[in-house]
C-alpha cells in the first residue's frame, strides 16, 4: 500500500512542525511583520489546519474556519509586496527543508508554494 502525501509529510504532527518552523522565520523577518495585525494570534495553528487538509488529511480547516474563502479573505487589503511574496516563498521552502519533507512531497509542494504566494498577493490587492 502506498503512503499518501499527508502520511509522507508526517501527518498532523509533521505538518504542525512545518507551520511552526515557517512562522518562526516569518516573525523574525522585519519585511514580513507588517502583514500581521497581531503576531500573538495562533497563526501556526491555523496554518497547520490548512496544511493538514491541503495534504489530504482531515478537513478540519474547512469545518472550523471555512476553507479557501477564509484563506482568501485573510489576505484581503494586506497589499503584499513582491519582496514580501518572495520572502514568504523563501521562508516556506526553508521550513520545508528544516522539517525534512521528503522529495516526493516537495515535488508536489513546491509548485503550490509559488502559486499560493502569487494568489495571496493578488487577493491582497483587493
PDB file of N, CA and C in Angstrom:
ATOM      1  N   UNK A   1       0.835  -1.181   0.000  1.00  0.00           N
ATOM      2  CA  UNK A   1       0.000   0.000   0.000  1.00  0.00           C
ATOM      3  C   UNK A   1       0.884   1.249   0.000  1.00  0.00           C
ATOM      4  N   UNK A   2       0.548   2.213  -0.825  1.00  0.00           N
ATOM      5  CA  UNK A   2       1.325   3.433  -0.958  1.00  0.00           C
ATOM      6  C   UNK A   2       0.895   4.457   0.089  1.00  0.00           C
ATOM      7  N   UNK A   3       1.880   5.141   0.666  1.00  0.00           N
ATOM      8  CA  UNK A   3       1.574   6.193   1.630  1.00  0.00           C
ATOM      9  C   UNK A   3       1.013   7.415   0.901  1.00  0.00           C
ATOM     10  N   UNK A   4       0.104   8.102   1.546  1.00  0.00           N
ATOM     11  CA  UNK A   4      -0.430   9.345   0.991  1.00  0.00           C
ATOM     12  C   UNK A   4       0.575  10.474   1.224  1.00  0.00           C
ATOM     13  N   UNK A   5       0.369  11.589   0.530  1.00  0.00           N
ATOM     14  CA  UNK A   5       1.219  12.763   0.763  1.00  0.00           C
ATOM     15  C   UNK A   5       1.102  13.224   2.212  1.00  0.00           C
ATOM     16  N   UNK A   6      -0.101  13.147   2.767  1.00  0.00           N
ATOM     17  CA  UNK A   6      -0.315  13.514   4.166  1.00  0.00           C
ATOM     18  C   UNK A   6       0.573  12.666   5.079  1.00  0.00           C
ATOM     19  N   UNK A   7       0.585  11.376   4.846  1.00  0.00           N
ATOM     20  CA  UNK A   7       1.411  10.472   5.661  1.00  0.00           C
ATOM     21  C   UNK A   7       2.898  10.720   5.419  1.00  0.00           C
ATOM     22  N   UNK A   8       3.285  10.887   4.150  1.00  0.00           N
ATOM     23  CA  UNK A   8       4.694  11.140   3.829  1.00  0.00           C
ATOM     24  C   UNK A   8       5.206  12.433   4.460  1.00  0.00           C
ATOM     25  N   UNK A   9       4.301  13.423   4.589  1.00  0.00           N
ATOM     26  CA  UNK A   9       4.668  14.715   5.191  1.00  0.00           C
ATOM     27  C   UNK A   9       4.709  14.648   6.719  1.00  0.00           C
ATOM     28  N   UNK A  10       4.395  13.499   7.276  1.00  0.00           N
ATOM     29  CA  UNK A  10       4.460  13.338   8.725  1.00  0.00           C
ATOM     30  C   UNK A  10       3.127  13.468   9.419  1.00  0.00           C
ATOM     31  N   UNK A  11       2.055  13.493   8.636  1.00  0.00           N
ATOM     32  CA  UNK A  11       0.725  13.588   9.231  1.00  0.00           C
ATOM     33  C   UNK A  11       0.526  14.905   9.953  1.00  0.00           C
ATOM     34  N   UNK A  12      -0.384  14.884  10.903  1.00  0.00           N
ATOM     35  CA  UNK A  12      -0.718  16.097  11.646  1.00  0.00           C
ATOM     36  C   UNK A  12       0.507  16.665  12.354  1.00  0.00           C
ATOM     37  N   UNK A  13       1.287  15.824  12.983  1.00  0.00           N
ATOM     38  CA  UNK A  13       2.459  16.298  13.729  1.00  0.00           C
ATOM     39  C   UNK A  13       3.493  16.920  12.796  1.00  0.00           C
ATOM     40  N   UNK A  14       3.752  16.278  11.657  1.00  0.00           N
ATOM     41  CA  UNK A  14       4.745  16.797  10.720  1.00  0.00           C
ATOM     42  C   UNK A  14       4.331  18.124  10.116  1.00  0.00           C
ATOM     43  N   UNK A  15       3.056  18.261   9.776  1.00  0.00           N
ATOM     44  CA  UNK A  15       2.584  19.500   9.170  1.00  0.00           C
ATOM     45  C   UNK A  15       2.457  20.621  10.197  1.00  0.00           C
ATOM     46  N   UNK A  16       2.205  20.266  11.442  1.00  0.00           N
ATOM     47  CA  UNK A  16       2.235  21.265  12.511  1.00  0.00           C
ATOM     48  C   UNK A  16       3.659  21.769  12.697  1.00  0.00           C
ATOM     49  N   UNK A  17       4.642  20.871  12.646  1.00  0.00           N
ATOM     50  CA  UNK A  17       6.053  21.292  12.739  1.00  0.00           C
ATOM     51  C   UNK A  17       6.416  22.230  11.585  1.00  0.00           C
ATOM     52  N   UNK A  18       5.906  21.938  10.382  1.00  0.00           N
ATOM     53  CA  UNK A  18       6.170  22.799   9.230  1.00  0.00           C
ATOM     54  C   UNK A  18       5.612  24.196   9.477  1.00  0.00           C
ATOM     55  N   UNK A  19       4.383  24.298   9.930  1.00  0.00           N
ATOM     56  CA  UNK A  19       3.779  25.609  10.203  1.00  0.00           C
ATOM     57  C   UNK A  19       4.568  26.356  11.276  1.00  0.00           C
ATOM     58  N   UNK A  20       4.981  25.663  12.314  1.00  0.00           N
ATOM     59  CA  UNK A  20       5.749  26.301  13.388  1.00  0.00           C
ATOM     60  C   UNK A  20       7.117  26.786  12.885  1.00  0.00           C
ATOM     61  N   UNK A  21       7.781  25.961  12.092  1.00  0.00           N
ATOM     62  CA  UNK A  21       9.092  26.349  11.538  1.00  0.00           C
ATOM     63  C   UNK A  21       8.946  27.558  10.620  1.00  0.00           C
ATOM     64  N   UNK A  22       7.888  27.579   9.837  1.00  0.00           N
ATOM     65  CA  UNK A  22       7.634  28.696   8.932  1.00  0.00           C
ATOM     66  C   UNK A  22       7.426  29.987   9.726  1.00  0.00           C
ATOM     67  N   UNK A  23       6.552  29.946  10.713  1.00  0.00           N
ATOM     68  CA  UNK A  23       6.254  31.174  11.458  1.00  0.00           C
ATOM     69  C   UNK A  23       7.408  31.636  12.334  1.00  0.00           C
ATOM     70  N   UNK A  24       8.278  30.755  12.778  1.00  0.00           N
ATOM     71  CA  UNK A  24       9.497  31.204  13.479  1.00  0.00           C
ATOM     72  C   UNK A  24      10.295  32.108  12.551  1.00  0.00           C
ATOM     73  N   UNK A  25      10.401  31.728  11.303  1.00  0.00           N
ATOM     74  CA  UNK A  25      11.141  32.529  10.327  1.00  0.00           C
ATOM     75  C   UNK A  25      10.409  33.840  10.014  1.00  0.00           C
ATOM     76  N   UNK A  26       9.120  33.735   9.752  1.00  0.00           N
ATOM     77  CA  UNK A  26       8.333  34.907   9.370  1.00  0.00           C
ATOM     78  C   UNK A  26       8.373  35.975  10.459  1.00  0.00           C
ATOM     79  N   UNK A  27       8.184  35.575  11.708  1.00  0.00           N
ATOM     80  CA  UNK A  27       8.132  36.556  12.783  1.00  0.00           C
ATOM     81  C   UNK A  27       9.503  37.110  13.158  1.00  0.00           C
ATOM     82  N   UNK A  28      10.562  36.527  12.618  1.00  0.00           N
ATOM     83  CA  UNK A  28      11.910  37.072  12.803  1.00  0.00           C
ATOM     84  C   UNK A  28      12.312  37.960  11.626  1.00  0.00           C
ATOM     85  N   UNK A  29      11.424  38.118  10.656  1.00  0.00           N
ATOM     86  CA  UNK A  29      11.717  38.855   9.426  1.00  0.00           C
ATOM     87  C   UNK A  29      10.983  40.196   9.433  1.00  0.00           C
ATOM     88  N   UNK A  30      11.708  41.313   9.579  1.00  0.00           N
ATOM     89  CA  UNK A  30      11.045  42.621   9.632  1.00  0.00           C
ATOM     90  C   UNK A  30      10.281  42.982   8.356  1.00  0.00           C
ATOM     91  N   UNK A  31      10.622  42.371   7.242  1.00  0.00           N
ATOM     92  CA  UNK A  31       9.888  42.613   5.988  1.00  0.00           C
ATOM     93  C   UNK A  31       8.478  42.023   6.087  1.00  0.00           C
ATOM     94  N   UNK A  32       8.335  40.932   6.809  1.00  0.00           N
ATOM     95  CA  UNK A  32       7.051  40.229   6.890  1.00  0.00           C
ATOM     96  C   UNK A  32       6.138  40.740   8.010  1.00  0.00           C
ATOM     97  N   UNK A  33       6.706  41.294   9.057  1.00  0.00           N
ATOM     98  CA  UNK A  33       5.912  41.680  10.233  1.00  0.00           C
ATOM     99  C   UNK A  33       4.761  42.643   9.936  1.00  0.00           C
ATOM    100  N   UNK A  34       4.885  43.590   9.009  1.00  0.00           N
ATOM    101  CA  UNK A  34       3.753  44.488   8.752  1.00  0.00           C
ATOM    102  C   UNK A  34       2.487  43.776   8.247  1.00  0.00           C
ATOM    103  N   UNK A  35       2.605  42.540   7.824  1.00  0.00           N
ATOM    104  CA  UNK A  35       1.441  41.808   7.330  1.00  0.00           C
ATOM    105  C   UNK A  35       0.570  41.244   8.450  1.00  0.00           C
ATOM    106  N   UNK A  36       1.042  41.346   9.686  1.00  0.00           N
ATOM    107  CA  UNK A  36       0.345  40.708  10.800  1.00  0.00           C
ATOM    108  C   UNK A  36      -0.141  41.743  11.796  1.00  0.00           C
ATOM    109  N   UNK A  37      -1.462  41.831  11.934  1.00  0.00           N
ATOM    110  CA  UNK A  37      -2.065  42.768  12.892  1.00  0.00           C
ATOM    111  C   UNK A  37      -1.728  42.357  14.323  1.00  0.00           C
ATOM    112  N   UNK A  38      -1.742  41.047  14.582  1.00  0.00           N
ATOM    113  CA  UNK A  38      -1.494  40.541  15.931  1.00  0.00           C
ATOM    114  C   UNK A  38      -0.642  39.281  15.849  1.00  0.00           C
ATOM    115  N   UNK A  39       0.677  39.439  15.953  1.00  0.00           N
ATOM    116  CA  UNK A  39       1.558  38.266  15.890  1.00  0.00           C
ATOM    117  C   UNK A  39       1.315  37.241  16.991  1.00  0.00           C
ATOM    118  N   UNK A  40       0.601  37.622  18.054  1.00  0.00           N
ATOM    119  CA  UNK A  40       0.328  36.684  19.152  1.00  0.00           C
ATOM    120  C   UNK A  40      -0.824  35.730  18.846  1.00  0.00           C
ATOM    121  N   UNK A  41      -1.550  35.980  17.762  1.00  0.00           N
ATOM    122  CA  UNK A  41      -2.609  35.048  17.375  1.00  0.00           C
ATOM    123  C   UNK A  41      -1.978  33.706  17.013  1.00  0.00           C
ATOM    124  N   UNK A  42      -2.795  32.680  16.931  1.00  0.00           N
ATOM    125  CA  UNK A  42      -2.300  31.333  16.628  1.00  0.00           C
ATOM    126  C   UNK A  42      -2.164  31.120  15.112  1.00  0.00           C
ATOM    127  N   UNK A  43      -1.262  31.881  14.499  1.00  0.00           N
ATOM    128  CA  UNK A  43      -1.050  31.765  13.059  1.00  0.00           C
ATOM    129  C   UNK A  43      -0.577  30.363  12.681  1.00  0.00           C
ATOM    130  N   UNK A  44       0.365  29.819  13.440  1.00  0.00           N
ATOM    131  CA  UNK A  44       0.893  28.482  13.122  1.00  0.00           C
ATOM    132  C   UNK A  44      -0.201  27.427  13.248  1.00  0.00           C
ATOM    133  N   UNK A  45      -1.034  27.543  14.250  1.00  0.00           N
ATOM    134  CA  UNK A  45      -2.119  26.577  14.427  1.00  0.00           C
ATOM    135  C   UNK A  45      -3.107  26.612  13.272  1.00  0.00           C
ATOM    136  N   UNK A  46      -3.446  27.820  12.822  1.00  0.00           N
ATOM    137  CA  UNK A  46      -4.369  27.946  11.694  1.00  0.00           C
ATOM    138  C   UNK A  46      -3.736  27.418  10.413  1.00  0.00           C
ATOM    139  N   UNK A  47      -2.450  27.749  10.212  1.00  0.00           N
ATOM    140  CA  UNK A  47      -1.781  27.242   9.013  1.00  0.00           C
ATOM    141  C   UNK A  47      -1.688  25.726   9.066  1.00  0.00           C
ATOM    142  N   UNK A  48      -1.422  25.173  10.234  1.00  0.00           N
ATOM    143  CA  UNK A  48      -1.337  23.714  10.358  1.00  0.00           C
ATOM    144  C   UNK A  48      -2.650  23.065   9.941  1.00  0.00           C
ATOM    145  N   UNK A  49      -3.776  23.625  10.370  1.00  0.00           N
ATOM    146  CA  UNK A  49      -5.071  23.077   9.955  1.00  0.00           C
ATOM    147  C   UNK A  49      -5.210  23.086   8.441  1.00  0.00           C
ATOM    148  N   UNK A  50      -4.786  24.195   7.829  1.00  0.00           N
ATOM    149  CA  UNK A  50      -4.879  24.302   6.370  1.00  0.00           C
ATOM    150  C   UNK A  50      -3.944  23.290   5.699  1.00  0.00           C
ATOM    151  N   UNK A  51      -2.697  23.202   6.178  1.00  0.00           N
ATOM    152  CA  UNK A  51      -1.734  22.258   5.590  1.00  0.00           C
ATOM    153  C   UNK A  51      -2.229  20.821   5.712  1.00  0.00           C
ATOM    154  N   UNK A  52      -2.756  20.474   6.859  1.00  0.00           N
ATOM    155  CA  UNK A  52      -3.256  19.112   7.076  1.00  0.00           C
ATOM    156  C   UNK A  52      -4.316  18.778   6.037  1.00  0.00           C
ATOM    157  N   UNK A  53      -5.245  19.677   5.841  1.00  0.00           N
ATOM    158  CA  UNK A  53      -6.302  19.449   4.860  1.00  0.00           C
ATOM    159  C   UNK A  53      -5.751  19.458   3.431  1.00  0.00           C
ATOM    160  N   UNK A  54      -4.870  20.399   3.136  1.00  0.00           N
ATOM    161  CA  UNK A  54      -4.296  20.519   1.793  1.00  0.00           C
ATOM    162  C   UNK A  54      -3.565  19.245   1.377  1.00  0.00           C
ATOM    163  N   UNK A  55      -2.871  18.633   2.325  1.00  0.00           N
ATOM    164  CA  UNK A  55      -2.108  17.424   2.025  1.00  0.00           C
ATOM    165  C   UNK A  55      -2.944  16.149   2.107  1.00  0.00           C
ATOM    166  N   UNK A  56      -4.241  16.286   2.321  1.00  0.00           N
ATOM    167  CA  UNK A  56      -5.118  15.119   2.276  1.00  0.00           C
ATOM    168  C   UNK A  56      -5.567  14.582   3.614  1.00  0.00           C
ATOM    169  N   UNK A  57      -5.270  15.309   4.677  1.00  0.00           N
ATOM    170  CA  UNK A  57      -5.729  14.898   5.990  1.00  0.00           C
ATOM    171  C   UNK A  57      -7.155  15.356   6.247  1.00  0.00           C
ATOM    172  N   UNK A  58      -7.598  15.257   7.496  1.00  0.00           N
ATOM    173  CA  UNK A  58      -8.968  15.639   7.835  1.00  0.00           C
ATOM    174  C   UNK A  58      -9.278  17.095   7.460  1.00  0.00           C
ATOM    175  N   UNK A  59     -10.510  17.341   7.052  1.00  0.00           N
ATOM    176  CA  UNK A  59     -10.950  18.662   6.582  1.00  0.00           C
ATOM    177  C   UNK A  59     -11.367  19.561   7.743  1.00  0.00           C
ATOM    178  N   UNK A  60     -10.550  19.627   8.759  1.00  0.00           N
ATOM    179  CA  UNK A  60     -10.863  20.428   9.940  1.00  0.00           C
ATOM    180  C   UNK A  60     -10.832  21.918   9.606  1.00  0.00           C
ATOM    181  N   UNK A  61      -9.903  22.342   8.754  1.00  0.00           N
ATOM    182  CA  UNK A  61      -9.833  23.758   8.386  1.00  0.00           C
ATOM    183  C   UNK A  61     -11.151  24.207   7.767  1.00  0.00           C
ATOM    184  N   UNK A  62     -11.684  23.436   6.862  1.00  0.00           N
ATOM    185  CA  UNK A  62     -12.948  23.799   6.224  1.00  0.00           C
ATOM    186  C   UNK A  62     -14.083  23.813   7.249  1.00  0.00           C
ATOM    187  N   UNK A  63     -14.143  22.808   8.108  1.00  0.00           N
ATOM    188  CA  UNK A  63     -15.221  22.739   9.103  1.00  0.00           C
ATOM    189  C   UNK A  63     -15.133  23.874  10.125  1.00  0.00           C
ATOM    190  N   UNK A  64     -13.920  24.174  10.583  1.00  0.00           N
ATOM    191  CA  UNK A  64     -13.767  25.166  11.652  1.00  0.00           C
ATOM    192  C   UNK A  64     -13.602  26.592  11.138  1.00  0.00           C
ATOM    193  N   UNK A  65     -12.973  26.738   9.971  1.00  0.00           N
ATOM    194  CA  UNK A  65     -12.594  28.082   9.533  1.00  0.00           C
ATOM    195  C   UNK A  65     -13.194  28.490   8.194  1.00  0.00           C
ATOM    196  N   UNK A  66     -13.785  27.550   7.454  1.00  0.00           N
ATOM    197  CA  UNK A  66     -14.437  27.908   6.208  1.00  0.00           C
ATOM    198  C   UNK A  66     -13.657  27.614   4.944  1.00  0.00           C
ATOM    199  N   UNK A  67     -12.466  27.040   5.060  1.00  0.00           N
ATOM    200  CA  UNK A  67     -11.712  26.630   3.885  1.00  0.00           C
ATOM    201  C   UNK A  67     -11.110  27.786   3.095  1.00  0.00           C
ATOM    202  N   UNK A  68     -11.016  27.592   1.781  1.00  0.00           N
ATOM    203  CA  UNK A  68     -10.333  28.561   0.917  1.00  0.00           C
ATOM    204  C   UNK A  68     -10.932  29.965   0.962  1.00  0.00           C
ATOM    205  N   UNK A  69     -12.249  30.131   1.010  1.00  0.00           N
ATOM    206  CA  UNK A  69     -12.765  31.509   1.083  1.00  0.00           C
ATOM    207  C   UNK A  69     -12.212  32.282   2.287  1.00  0.00           C
ATOM    208  N   UNK A  70     -12.062  31.610   3.418  1.00  0.00           N
ATOM    209  CA  UNK A  70     -11.487  32.254   4.598  1.00  0.00           C
ATOM    210  C   UNK A  70     -10.023  32.584   4.363  1.00  0.00           C
ATOM    211  N   UNK A  71      -9.323  31.675   3.724  1.00  0.00           N
ATOM    212  CA  UNK A  71      -7.915  31.895   3.409  1.00  0.00           C
ATOM    213  C   UNK A  71      -7.757  33.134   2.538  1.00  0.00           C
ATOM    214  N   UNK A  72      -8.586  33.269   1.521  1.00  0.00           N
ATOM    215  CA  UNK A  72      -8.508  34.434   0.642  1.00  0.00           C
ATOM    216  C   UNK A  72      -8.854  35.718   1.392  1.00  0.00           C
ATOM    217  N   UNK A  73      -9.903  35.682   2.177  1.00  0.00           N
ATOM    218  CA  UNK A  73     -10.309  36.900   2.877  1.00  0.00           C
ATOM    219  C   UNK A  73      -9.272  37.333   3.920  1.00  0.00           C
ATOM    220  N   UNK A  74      -8.523  36.385   4.466  1.00  0.00           N
ATOM    221  CA  UNK A  74      -7.489  36.732   5.447  1.00  0.00           C
ATOM    222  C   UNK A  74      -6.379  37.583   4.840  1.00  0.00           C
ATOM    223  N   UNK A  75      -6.218  37.505   3.526  1.00  0.00           N
ATOM    224  CA  UNK A  75      -5.158  38.262   2.857  1.00  0.00           C
ATOM    225  C   UNK A  75      -5.656  39.557   2.234  1.00  0.00           C
ATOM    226  N   UNK A  76      -6.964  39.774   2.255  1.00  0.00           N
ATOM    227  CA  UNK A  76      -7.543  40.973   1.645  1.00  0.00           C
ATOM    228  C   UNK A  76      -6.987  42.231   2.300  1.00  0.00           C
ATOM    229  N   UNK A  77      -6.714  43.205   1.494  1.00  0.00           N
ATOM    230  CA  UNK A  77      -6.260  44.534   1.930  1.00  0.00           C
ATOM    231  C   UNK A  77      -4.874  44.547   2.585  1.00  0.00           C
ATOM    232  N   UNK A  78      -4.110  43.486   2.463  1.00  0.00           N
ATOM    233  CA  UNK A  78      -2.762  43.485   3.037  1.00  0.00           C
ATOM    234  C   UNK A  78      -1.744  44.157   2.122  1.00  0.00           C
ATOM    235  N   UNK A  79      -2.055  44.273   0.848  1.00  0.00           N
ATOM    236  CA  UNK A  79      -1.141  44.878  -0.134  1.00  0.00           C
ATOM    237  C   UNK A  79       0.243  44.240  -0.069  1.00  0.00           C
ATOM    238  N   UNK A  80       0.286  42.936  -0.219  1.00  0.00           N
ATOM    239  CA  UNK A  80       1.543  42.186  -0.163  1.00  0.00           C
ATOM    240  C   UNK A  80       2.442  42.626  -1.322  1.00  0.00           C
ATOM    241  N   UNK A  81       3.660  43.012  -0.983  1.00  0.00           N
ATOM    242  CA  UNK A  81       4.623  43.465  -1.995  1.00  0.00           C
ATOM    243  C   UNK A  81       5.314  42.272  -2.653  1.00  0.00           C
ATOM    244  N   UNK A  82       5.979  42.541  -3.763  1.00  0.00           N
ATOM    245  CA  UNK A  82       6.761  41.491  -4.417  1.00  0.00           C
ATOM    246  C   UNK A  82       7.834  40.960  -3.469  1.00  0.00           C
ATOM    247  N   UNK A  83       8.461  41.850  -2.719  1.00  0.00           N
ATOM    248  CA  UNK A  83       9.507  41.430  -1.777  1.00  0.00           C
ATOM    249  C   UNK A  83       8.918  40.547  -0.684  1.00  0.00           C
ATOM    250  N   UNK A  84       7.766  40.914  -0.151  1.00  0.00           N
ATOM    251  CA  UNK A  84       7.132  40.086   0.877  1.00  0.00           C
ATOM    252  C   UNK A  84       6.728  38.730   0.314  1.00  0.00           C
ATOM    253  N   UNK A  85       6.228  38.716  -0.913  1.00  0.00           N
ATOM    254  CA  UNK A  85       5.877  37.436  -1.544  1.00  0.00           C
ATOM    255  C   UNK A  85       7.112  36.551  -1.656  1.00  0.00           C
ATOM    256  N   UNK A  86       8.220  37.119  -2.103  1.00  0.00           N
ATOM    257  CA  UNK A  86       9.451  36.339  -2.239  1.00  0.00           C
ATOM    258  C   UNK A  86       9.967  35.857  -0.885  1.00  0.00           C
ATOM    259  N   UNK A  87       9.857  36.681   0.131  1.00  0.00           N
ATOM    260  CA  UNK A  87      10.273  36.249   1.474  1.00  0.00           C
ATOM    261  C   UNK A  87       9.396  35.102   1.963  1.00  0.00           C
ATOM    262  N   UNK A  88       8.083  35.192   1.695  1.00  0.00           N
ATOM    263  CA  UNK A  88       7.171  34.123   2.091  1.00  0.00           C
ATOM    264  C   UNK A  88       7.620  32.807   1.467  1.00  0.00           C
ATOM    265  N   UNK A  89       7.912  32.839   0.184  1.00  0.00           N
ATOM    266  CA  UNK A  89       8.364  31.641  -0.534  1.00  0.00           C
ATOM    267  C   UNK A  89       9.656  31.110   0.087  1.00  0.00           C
ATOM    268  N   UNK A  90      10.622  31.997   0.299  1.00  0.00           N
ATOM    269  CA  UNK A  90      11.906  31.579   0.881  1.00  0.00           C
ATOM    270  C   UNK A  90      11.711  30.941   2.252  1.00  0.00           C
ATOM    271  N   UNK A  91      10.884  31.555   3.083  1.00  0.00           N
ATOM    272  CA  UNK A  91      10.655  31.014   4.429  1.00  0.00           C
ATOM    273  C   UNK A  91       9.959  29.659   4.374  1.00  0.00           C
ATOM    274  N   UNK A  92       8.985  29.515   3.470  1.00  0.00           N
ATOM    275  CA  UNK A  92       8.277  28.232   3.381  1.00  0.00           C
ATOM    276  C   UNK A  92       9.197  27.134   2.863  1.00  0.00           C
ATOM    277  N   UNK A  93      10.010  27.436   1.878  1.00  0.00           N
ATOM    278  CA  UNK A  93      10.927  26.425   1.358  1.00  0.00           C
ATOM    279  C   UNK A  93      11.976  26.053   2.398  1.00  0.00           C
ATOM    280  N   UNK A  94      12.483  27.037   3.145  1.00  0.00           N
ATOM    281  CA  UNK A  94      13.462  26.756   4.203  1.00  0.00           C
ATOM    282  C   UNK A  94      12.831  25.924   5.316  1.00  0.00           C
ATOM    283  N   UNK A  95      11.599  26.246   5.691  1.00  0.00           N
ATOM    284  CA  UNK A  95      10.900  25.481   6.733  1.00  0.00           C
ATOM    285  C   UNK A  95      10.642  24.054   6.259  1.00  0.00           C
ATOM    286  N   UNK A  96      10.292  23.913   4.992  1.00  0.00           N
ATOM    287  CA  UNK A  96      10.049  22.574   4.430  1.00  0.00           C
ATOM    288  C   UNK A  96      11.307  21.725   4.484  1.00  0.00           C
ATOM    289  N   UNK A  97      12.427  22.360   4.196  1.00  0.00           N
ATOM    290  CA  UNK A  97      13.714  21.656   4.264  1.00  0.00           C
ATOM    291  C   UNK A  97      14.066  21.325   5.719  1.00  0.00           C
ATOM    292  N   UNK A  98      13.841  22.282   6.614  1.00  0.00           N
ATOM    293  CA  UNK A  98      14.151  22.079   8.033  1.00  0.00           C
ATOM    294  C   UNK A  98      13.420  20.862   8.598  1.00  0.00           C
ATOM    295  N   UNK A  99      12.145  20.714   8.268  1.00  0.00           N
ATOM    296  CA  UNK A  99      11.374  19.603   8.836  1.00  0.00           C
ATOM    297  C   UNK A  99      11.573  18.313   8.051  1.00  0.00           C
ATOM    298  N   UNK A 100      12.328  18.380   6.973  1.00  0.00           N
ATOM    299  CA  UNK A 100      12.679  17.166   6.244  1.00  0.00           C
ATOM    300  C   UNK A 100      11.573  16.586   5.386  1.00  0.00           C
ATOM    301  N   UNK A 101      10.794  17.448   4.734  1.00  0.00           N
ATOM    302  CA  UNK A 101       9.784  16.902   3.827  1.00  0.00           C
ATOM    303  C   UNK A 101      10.485  16.078   2.753  1.00  0.00           C
ATOM    304  N   UNK A 102      10.026  14.871   2.505  1.00  0.00           N
ATOM    305  CA  UNK A 102      10.678  14.014   1.517  1.00  0.00           C
ATOM    306  C   UNK A 102      10.548  14.570   0.093  1.00  0.00           C
ATOM    307  N   UNK A 103      11.425  14.110  -0.780  1.00  0.00           N
ATOM    308  CA  UNK A 103      11.469  14.585  -2.165  1.00  0.00           C
ATOM    309  C   UNK A 103      10.119  14.444  -2.862  1.00  0.00           C
ATOM    310  N   UNK A 104       9.421  13.350  -2.627  1.00  0.00           N
ATOM    311  CA  UNK A 104       8.121  13.140  -3.267  1.00  0.00           C
ATOM    312  C   UNK A 104       7.115  14.210  -2.846  1.00  0.00           C
ATOM    313  N   UNK A 105       7.150  14.588  -1.585  1.00  0.00           N
ATOM    314  CA  UNK A 105       6.262  15.631  -1.083  1.00  0.00           C
ATOM    315  C   UNK A 105       6.678  16.980  -1.655  1.00  0.00           C
ATOM    316  N   UNK A 106       7.987  17.243  -1.677  1.00  0.00           N
ATOM    317  CA  UNK A 106       8.476  18.515  -2.200  1.00  0.00           C
ATOM    318  C   UNK A 106       8.122  18.682  -3.677  1.00  0.00           C
ATOM    319  N   UNK A 107       8.157  17.601  -4.448  1.00  0.00           N
ATOM    320  CA  UNK A 107       7.807  17.688  -5.874  1.00  0.00           C
ATOM    321  C   UNK A 107       6.365  18.164  -6.039  1.00  0.00           C
ATOM    322  N   UNK A 108       5.489  17.742  -5.148  1.00  0.00           N
ATOM    323  CA  UNK A 108       4.102  18.196  -5.155  1.00  0.00           C
ATOM    324  C   UNK A 108       3.989  19.606  -4.586  1.00  0.00           C
ATOM    325  N   UNK A 109       4.680  19.890  -3.500  1.00  0.00           N
ATOM    326  CA  UNK A 109       4.504  21.086  -2.692  1.00  0.00           C
ATOM    327  C   UNK A 109       5.082  22.343  -3.318  1.00  0.00           C
ATOM    328  N   UNK A 110       6.270  22.275  -3.876  1.00  0.00           N
ATOM    329  CA  UNK A 110       6.962  23.479  -4.342  1.00  0.00           C
ATOM    330  C   UNK A 110       6.141  24.279  -5.356  1.00  0.00           C
ATOM    331  N   UNK A 111       5.561  23.670  -6.385  1.00  0.00           N
ATOM    332  CA  UNK A 111       4.751  24.492  -7.300  1.00  0.00           C
ATOM    333  C   UNK A 111       3.577  25.175  -6.598  1.00  0.00           C
ATOM    334  N   UNK A 112       3.007  24.515  -5.588  1.00  0.00           N
ATOM    335  CA  UNK A 112       1.898  25.109  -4.840  1.00  0.00           C
ATOM    336  C   UNK A 112       2.365  26.265  -3.965  1.00  0.00           C
ATOM    337  N   UNK A 113       3.588  26.195  -3.476  1.00  0.00           N
ATOM    338  CA  UNK A 113       4.146  27.303  -2.689  1.00  0.00           C
ATOM    339  C   UNK A 113       4.194  28.558  -3.559  1.00  0.00           C
ATOM    340  N   UNK A 114       4.730  28.425  -4.756  1.00  0.00           N
ATOM    341  CA  UNK A 114       4.818  29.580  -5.661  1.00  0.00           C
ATOM    342  C   UNK A 114       3.429  30.071  -6.071  1.00  0.00           C
ATOM    343  N   UNK A 115       2.550  29.157  -6.446  1.00  0.00           N
ATOM    344  CA  UNK A 115       1.204  29.533  -6.858  1.00  0.00           C
ATOM    345  C   UNK A 115       0.451  30.201  -5.711  1.00  0.00           C
ATOM    346  N   UNK A 116       0.540  29.610  -4.520  1.00  0.00           N
ATOM    347  CA  UNK A 116      -0.164  30.156  -3.362  1.00  0.00           C
ATOM    348  C   UNK A 116       0.320  31.543  -2.989  1.00  0.00           C
ATOM    349  N   UNK A 117       1.623  31.768  -3.070  1.00  0.00           N
ATOM    350  CA  UNK A 117       2.171  33.091  -2.757  1.00  0.00           C
ATOM    351  C   UNK A 117       1.670  34.128  -3.761  1.00  0.00           C
ATOM    352  N   UNK A 118       1.620  33.752  -5.026  1.00  0.00           N
ATOM    353  CA  UNK A 118       1.110  34.676  -6.037  1.00  0.00           C
ATOM    354  C   UNK A 118      -0.387  34.942  -5.840  1.00  0.00           C
ATOM    355  N   UNK A 119      -1.149  33.907  -5.521  1.00  0.00           N
ATOM    356  CA  UNK A 119      -2.587  34.070  -5.292  1.00  0.00           C
ATOM    357  C   UNK A 119      -2.850  34.963  -4.083  1.00  0.00           C
ATOM    358  N   UNK A 120      -2.097  34.744  -3.008  1.00  0.00           N
ATOM    359  CA  UNK A 120      -2.266  35.575  -1.808  1.00  0.00           C
ATOM    360  C   UNK A 120      -1.946  37.032  -2.130  1.00  0.00           C
ATOM    361  N   UNK A 121      -0.901  37.262  -2.911  1.00  0.00           N
ATOM    362  CA  UNK A 121      -0.556  38.626  -3.282  1.00  0.00           C
ATOM    363  C   UNK A 121      -1.673  39.259  -4.122  1.00  0.00           C
ATOM    364  N   UNK A 122      -2.202  38.524  -5.081  1.00  0.00           N
ATOM    365  CA  UNK A 122      -3.303  39.057  -5.907  1.00  0.00           C
ATOM    366  C   UNK A 122      -4.510  39.409  -5.036  1.00  0.00           C
ATOM    367  N   UNK A 123      -4.885  38.516  -4.139  1.00  0.00           N
ATOM    368  CA  UNK A 123      -6.043  38.764  -3.277  1.00  0.00           C
ATOM    369  C   UNK A 123      -5.787  39.881  -2.273  1.00  0.00           C
ATOM    370  N   UNK A 124      -4.526  40.136  -1.973  1.00  0.00           N
ATOM    371  CA  UNK A 124      -4.202  41.185  -1.005  1.00  0.00           C
ATOM    372  C   UNK A 124      -4.386  42.580  -1.578  1.00  0.00           C
ATOM    373  N   UNK A 125      -4.520  42.692  -2.863  1.00  0.00           N
ATOM    374  CA  UNK A 125      -4.659  43.993  -3.520  1.00  0.00           C
ATOM    375  C   UNK A 125      -6.110  44.437  -3.614  1.00  0.00           C
ATOM    376  N   UNK A 126      -7.034  43.629  -3.143  1.00  0.00           N
ATOM    377  CA  UNK A 126      -8.475  43.930  -3.289  1.00  0.00           C
ATOM    378  C   UNK A 126      -9.037  44.606  -2.078  1.00  0.00           C
TER     379      UNK A 126
END
